[in-house]
């Protein structure tokens, strides 16, 4: 009989995570910077998977083994940053050994600050581990300097300015990470162009085989799954290449295919809408007009 995997171990507070890892209590209950080399708990004694109720930003350089996240594993031989939003499943290989620092931020720490809303705009919190940020030497120095500032502030006596200062450093850390991800998209442009070509082929095949009749409209999640990427990474990568996200690319291909059918077939607008995957012809007509400033019928009549 196939063994059923244990449910992820849920950890609600930073203090609980410190206890599980064999660390002293955090200096602040809602934010902590952990030196990974000081973790006392043995990896094979930890839960196979766990789920945190807070943000985690980790700089990791792997010495041995591998670290899992979601459905995959990531090789950290060169070091990199991984961002985990609350309620994402994390796993650690029993043989993994790494060093670095981990910043833990409870949502309550930033709740009354603009960062509470803005942090959701940083797409890399939704990336998979194999889409981690690879840091160049100067970038690594910059990130470690920001983390050192946070560490010093946490070790200072708490006063009326402590939270403001720490949150300001967290924002600096996130903005630097955003900048460095943009650099990563650029330096991997050749690889990303290959992914763009594969995505275009996927959409072409989807419409040529009229999958829309059975499966509905192609989704960002479908394309990302076929390309072995997270949906957010796919959209951010495409935006860096073309200025359009994945949903906009799908719409562009839909309109291109719709124009082809309207101009060279006698299918009705409703038949074309259903063939493309729309549940309602009105939705197709609305999208078509928003993209072309013409109704499907007006576009067809322009060829007569």
Foldseek 3Di string as FASTA:
>chain_A
DDDDADDAAEDEWPQSVCVLQVHPGALDGFKHKDWVVPRDDQQVVHRQKHFYQWKKKWWKAWDWDWWAFDPGIAHRPQIFIAIAGGGGMTGGDNTTDITTMMMTGHLVLCVPDPCNVVVVVLLRNQWGPNLTQRDDPVLVVVLVVLVVVLVVLSVDPDDPCSSVVNVVSVVVNSVSSVVSSLVVLVVCVVVLVVLVVVLVVVLVVCLVVLVLLPPAADDLCNSCVVSVIGSSVQQVSVCSVPVGGPVVVSLVSLLVVLLVCLAPHPDDLQVSCSSNNHPDSVVVQVSNCVVPVDGSVRSSVVND
